Amino acid sequence: MASIIMAPSLISNPQKRNSRINRQVGGCIDRSGVIKGMLRVEKPLEELYNVRVERKVSQQRLEELGVSRWSVWKTGKCRLPWDWQVDQLVYIEEGEVRVVPEGSKRYMQFLAGDLVRYPKWFEADLYFNGPYQERYSFRAYGDD
């Protein structure tokens, strides 16, 4: 009579072994252990909505743009729905703002020292968490 010898298997289940990787990638693993799927790469909102930002702008750049002659706007903690009828260049002097584009759940965050250019026809909700002050300038087509 033949007997069956049970030995531990050296081949593990690739689905189980790579389950953490599988969840991160969002794909599936075939029998050979090869991950099949697609990484979901999201573009930055600034790129999607054509919002340009320069971080920690130098004093030389501010003088070049004439920021000290721009209009000043201040607010406190609030939410402000806004839409831009023209391009607007904003230099944040104090505080921070979270910008949530219309229809999005993601947001852009801009801080004191940032120079932000909002494009014409952009719509978003602005969230201010405390004292905020900016200098702004409306831009004509072709102004840079």
C-alpha atoms as a PDB file:
ATOM      1  CA  MET A   1       0.000   0.000   0.000  1.00  0.00           C
ATOM      2  CA  ALA A   2       1.341   3.385  -0.927  1.00  0.00           C
ATOM      3  CA  SER A   3       1.660   6.061   1.691  1.00  0.00           C
ATOM      4  CA  ILE A   4       1.472   9.762   1.184  1.00  0.00           C
ATOM      5  CA  ILE A   5       4.094  11.857   2.887  1.00  0.00           C
ATOM      6  CA  MET A   6       2.984  15.359   3.725  1.00  0.00           C
ATOM      7  CA  ALA A   7       5.804  17.897   3.576  1.00  0.00           C
ATOM      8  CA  PRO A   8       5.518  21.623   4.008  1.00  0.00           C
ATOM      9  CA  SER A   9       5.204  23.381   0.711  1.00  0.00           C
ATOM     10  CA  LEU A  10       8.061  25.658  -0.269  1.00  0.00           C
ATOM     11  CA  ILE A  11       5.833  27.529  -2.668  1.00  0.00           C
ATOM     12  CA  SER A  12       3.776  30.127  -0.906  1.00  0.00           C
ATOM     13  CA  ASN A  13       0.669  31.736  -2.241  1.00  0.00           C
ATOM     14  CA  PRO A  14       1.833  34.824  -4.173  1.00  0.00           C
ATOM     15  CA  GLN A  15      -1.581  36.427  -3.714  1.00  0.00           C
ATOM     16  CA  LYS A  16      -1.176  36.282   0.052  1.00  0.00           C
ATOM     17  CA  ARG A  17       2.539  37.096   0.128  1.00  0.00           C
ATOM     18  CA  ASN A  18       2.120  40.291  -1.859  1.00  0.00           C
ATOM     19  CA  SER A  19      -1.261  41.333  -0.538  1.00  0.00           C
ATOM     20  CA  ARG A  20       0.131  44.535   0.998  1.00  0.00           C
ATOM     21  CA  ILE A  21       1.770  45.486  -2.292  1.00  0.00           C
ATOM     22  CA  ASN A  22      -1.352  44.462  -4.180  1.00  0.00           C
ATOM     23  CA  ARG A  23      -3.505  46.827  -2.136  1.00  0.00           C
ATOM     24  CA  GLN A  24      -1.069  49.709  -2.602  1.00  0.00           C
ATOM     25  CA  VAL A  25      -0.861  49.253  -6.351  1.00  0.00           C
ATOM     26  CA  GLY A  26      -4.553  48.585  -6.802  1.00  0.00           C
ATOM     27  CA  GLY A  27      -3.947  45.796  -9.284  1.00  0.00           C
ATOM     28  CA  CYS A  28      -3.994  42.029  -9.162  1.00  0.00           C
ATOM     29  CA  ILE A  29      -1.285  39.385  -9.009  1.00  0.00           C
ATOM     30  CA  ASP A  30      -1.241  36.529 -11.507  1.00  0.00           C
ATOM     31  CA  ARG A  31      -0.147  32.963 -10.713  1.00  0.00           C
ATOM     32  CA  SER A  32       3.515  33.740 -11.333  1.00  0.00           C
ATOM     33  CA  GLY A  33       3.465  36.481  -8.711  1.00  0.00           C
ATOM     34  CA  VAL A  34       3.696  39.299 -11.250  1.00  0.00           C
ATOM     35  CA  ILE A  35       1.741  42.376 -10.306  1.00  0.00           C
ATOM     36  CA  LYS A  36      -0.691  43.390 -12.983  1.00  0.00           C
ATOM     37  CA  GLY A  37      -2.431  46.668 -12.621  1.00  0.00           C
ATOM     38  CA  MET A  38      -1.974  50.325 -12.909  1.00  0.00           C
ATOM     39  CA  LEU A  39      -0.625  52.880 -10.495  1.00  0.00           C
ATOM     40  CA  ARG A  40      -2.982  55.797 -10.161  1.00  0.00           C
ATOM     41  CA  VAL A  41      -0.890  58.904 -10.554  1.00  0.00           C
ATOM     42  CA  GLU A  42      -2.706  62.131  -9.859  1.00  0.00           C
ATOM     43  CA  LYS A  43      -1.441  65.387 -11.286  1.00  0.00           C
ATOM     44  CA  PRO A  44      -1.001  68.271  -8.852  1.00  0.00           C
ATOM     45  CA  LEU A  45      -4.077  70.506  -8.749  1.00  0.00           C
ATOM     46  CA  GLU A  46      -1.922  73.480  -9.708  1.00  0.00           C
ATOM     47  CA  GLU A  47      -1.175  71.737 -12.993  1.00  0.00           C
ATOM     48  CA  LEU A  48      -4.758  70.596 -13.593  1.00  0.00           C
ATOM     49  CA  TYR A  49      -6.235  74.061 -13.049  1.00  0.00           C
ATOM     50  CA  ASN A  50      -3.308  76.112 -14.410  1.00  0.00           C
ATOM     51  CA  VAL A  51      -2.696  77.829 -11.059  1.00  0.00           C
ATOM     52  CA  ARG A  52       0.938  78.939 -10.923  1.00  0.00           C
ATOM     53  CA  VAL A  53       2.782  79.290  -7.629  1.00  0.00           C
ATOM     54  CA  GLU A  54       6.234  80.535  -6.673  1.00  0.00           C
ATOM     55  CA  ARG A  55       7.204  79.587  -3.120  1.00  0.00           C
ATOM     56  CA  LYS A  56       9.266  81.834  -0.827  1.00  0.00           C
ATOM     57  CA  VAL A  57       9.577  84.659  -3.324  1.00  0.00           C
ATOM     58  CA  SER A  58      12.727  86.796  -3.049  1.00  0.00           C
ATOM     59  CA  GLN A  59      12.648  90.506  -2.241  1.00  0.00           C
ATOM     60  CA  GLN A  60      14.219  91.177  -5.641  1.00  0.00           C
ATOM     61  CA  ARG A  61      11.330  89.401  -7.404  1.00  0.00           C
ATOM     62  CA  LEU A  62       8.765  91.373  -5.349  1.00  0.00           C
ATOM     63  CA  GLU A  63      10.438  94.668  -6.299  1.00  0.00           C
ATOM     64  CA  GLU A  64      10.582  93.575  -9.942  1.00  0.00           C
ATOM     65  CA  LEU A  65       6.794  93.037  -9.914  1.00  0.00           C
ATOM     66  CA  GLY A  66       6.066  96.220  -7.929  1.00  0.00           C
ATOM     67  CA  VAL A  67       4.160  94.272  -5.254  1.00  0.00           C
ATOM     68  CA  SER A  68       4.397  97.142  -2.736  1.00  0.00           C
ATOM     69  CA  ARG A  69       2.088  99.202  -5.020  1.00  0.00           C
ATOM     70  CA  TRP A  70      -0.589  96.480  -5.309  1.00  0.00           C
ATOM     71  CA  SER A  71      -3.928  96.643  -3.493  1.00  0.00           C
ATOM     72  CA  VAL A  72      -4.197  95.021  -0.045  1.00  0.00           C
ATOM     73  CA  TRP A  73      -6.960  92.637   1.050  1.00  0.00           C
ATOM     74  CA  LYS A  74      -7.415  91.230   4.574  1.00  0.00           C
ATOM     75  CA  THR A  75      -9.748  88.731   6.199  1.00  0.00           C
ATOM     76  CA  GLY A  76     -10.073  86.504   9.226  1.00  0.00           C
ATOM     77  CA  LYS A  77     -11.253  82.942   9.635  1.00  0.00           C
ATOM     78  CA  CYS A  78     -13.894  82.246   6.983  1.00  0.00           C
ATOM     79  CA  ARG A  79     -14.930  80.356   3.854  1.00  0.00           C
ATOM     80  CA  LEU A  80     -15.287  82.367   0.674  1.00  0.00           C
ATOM     81  CA  PRO A  81     -16.652  81.007  -2.624  1.00  0.00           C
ATOM     82  CA  TRP A  82     -14.854  82.815  -5.432  1.00  0.00           C
ATOM     83  CA  ASP A  83     -14.586  82.905  -9.201  1.00  0.00           C
ATOM     84  CA  TRP A  84     -11.983  84.818 -11.159  1.00  0.00           C
ATOM     85  CA  GLN A  85     -13.192  86.967 -14.065  1.00  0.00           C
ATOM     86  CA  VAL A  86      -9.600  87.877 -14.988  1.00  0.00           C
ATOM     87  CA  ASP A  87      -6.155  86.501 -14.179  1.00  0.00           C
ATOM     88  CA  GLN A  88      -5.061  87.593 -10.716  1.00  0.00           C
ATOM     89  CA  LEU A  89      -1.588  87.643  -9.212  1.00  0.00           C
ATOM     90  CA  VAL A  90      -1.560  87.373  -5.405  1.00  0.00           C
ATOM     91  CA  TYR A  91       1.314  87.726  -2.951  1.00  0.00           C
ATOM     92  CA  ILE A  92       0.427  86.299   0.479  1.00  0.00           C
ATOM     93  CA  GLU A  93       1.897  88.500   3.220  1.00  0.00           C
ATOM     94  CA  GLU A  94       0.322  86.828   6.254  1.00  0.00           C
ATOM     95  CA  GLY A  95      -1.520  83.586   6.988  1.00  0.00           C
ATOM     96  CA  GLU A  96      -2.497  80.736   4.741  1.00  0.00           C
ATOM     97  CA  VAL A  97      -5.329  79.731   2.432  1.00  0.00           C
ATOM     98  CA  ARG A  98      -6.704  76.374   1.297  1.00  0.00           C
ATOM     99  CA  VAL A  99      -8.115  76.520  -2.219  1.00  0.00           C
ATOM    100  CA  VAL A 100     -10.669  73.831  -3.135  1.00  0.00           C
ATOM    101  CA  PRO A 101     -11.502  73.934  -6.862  1.00  0.00           C
ATOM    102  CA  GLU A 102     -15.199  73.625  -7.696  1.00  0.00           C
ATOM    103  CA  GLY A 103     -16.170  69.948  -7.877  1.00  0.00           C
ATOM    104  CA  SER A 104     -12.953  68.722  -6.234  1.00  0.00           C
ATOM    105  CA  LYS A 105     -12.359  67.117  -2.858  1.00  0.00           C
ATOM    106  CA  ARG A 106      -8.643  67.924  -2.993  1.00  0.00           C
ATOM    107  CA  TYR A 107      -7.131  71.296  -2.163  1.00  0.00           C
ATOM    108  CA  MET A 108      -4.100  73.481  -2.794  1.00  0.00           C
ATOM    109  CA  GLN A 109      -2.493  75.232   0.151  1.00  0.00           C
ATOM    110  CA  PHE A 110      -0.664  78.534  -0.116  1.00  0.00           C
ATOM    111  CA  LEU A 111       1.282  80.217   2.692  1.00  0.00           C
ATOM    112  CA  ALA A 112       2.798  83.594   3.518  1.00  0.00           C
ATOM    113  CA  GLY A 113       5.651  84.215   1.083  1.00  0.00           C
ATOM    114  CA  ASP A 114       3.917  82.510  -1.859  1.00  0.00           C
ATOM    115  CA  LEU A 115       3.162  84.276  -5.127  1.00  0.00           C
ATOM    116  CA  VAL A 116       0.093  82.720  -6.759  1.00  0.00           C
ATOM    117  CA  ARG A 117      -1.398  83.340 -10.190  1.00  0.00           C
ATOM    118  CA  TYR A 118      -5.062  82.350 -10.484  1.00  0.00           C
ATOM    119  CA  PRO A 119      -6.324  81.959 -14.060  1.00  0.00           C
ATOM    120  CA  LYS A 120      -9.370  83.631 -15.559  1.00  0.00           C
ATOM    121  CA  TRP A 121     -12.611  81.602 -15.098  1.00  0.00           C
ATOM    122  CA  PHE A 122     -11.189  79.542 -12.219  1.00  0.00           C
ATOM    123  CA  GLU A 123     -13.796  78.791  -9.512  1.00  0.00           C
ATOM    124  CA  ALA A 124     -12.998  77.618  -5.993  1.00  0.00           C
ATOM    125  CA  ASP A 125     -13.854  77.836  -2.316  1.00  0.00           C
ATOM    126  CA  LEU A 126     -11.206  79.633  -0.257  1.00  0.00           C
ATOM    127  CA  TYR A 127     -10.747  78.579   3.376  1.00  0.00           C
ATOM    128  CA  PHE A 128      -8.930  80.935   5.735  1.00  0.00           C
ATOM    129  CA  ASN A 129      -8.074  79.532   9.191  1.00  0.00           C
ATOM    130  CA  GLY A 130      -7.065  82.812  10.810  1.00  0.00           C
ATOM    131  CA  PRO A 131      -5.737  86.281  10.034  1.00  0.00           C
ATOM    132  CA  TYR A 132      -4.832  86.579   6.360  1.00  0.00           C
ATOM    133  CA  GLN A 133      -3.427  89.404   4.256  1.00  0.00           C
ATOM    134  CA  GLU A 134      -2.531  89.506   0.589  1.00  0.00           C
ATOM    135  CA  ARG A 135      -1.515  91.992  -2.057  1.00  0.00           C
ATOM    136  CA  TYR A 136      -3.153  91.471  -5.421  1.00  0.00           C
ATOM    137  CA  SER A 137      -2.990  92.659  -8.995  1.00  0.00           C
ATOM    138  CA  PHE A 138      -5.363  91.884 -11.844  1.00  0.00           C
ATOM    139  CA  ARG A 139      -3.519  90.877 -14.987  1.00  0.00           C
ATOM    140  CA  ALA A 140      -4.371  91.505 -18.614  1.00  0.00           C
ATOM    141  CA  TYR A 141      -3.944  88.774 -21.215  1.00  0.00           C
ATOM    142  CA  GLY A 142      -0.254  88.430 -22.023  1.00  0.00           C
ATOM    143  CA  ASP A 143       1.004  90.073 -18.808  1.00  0.00           C
ATOM    144  CA  ASP A 144       3.616  87.999 -17.039  1.00  0.00           C
END
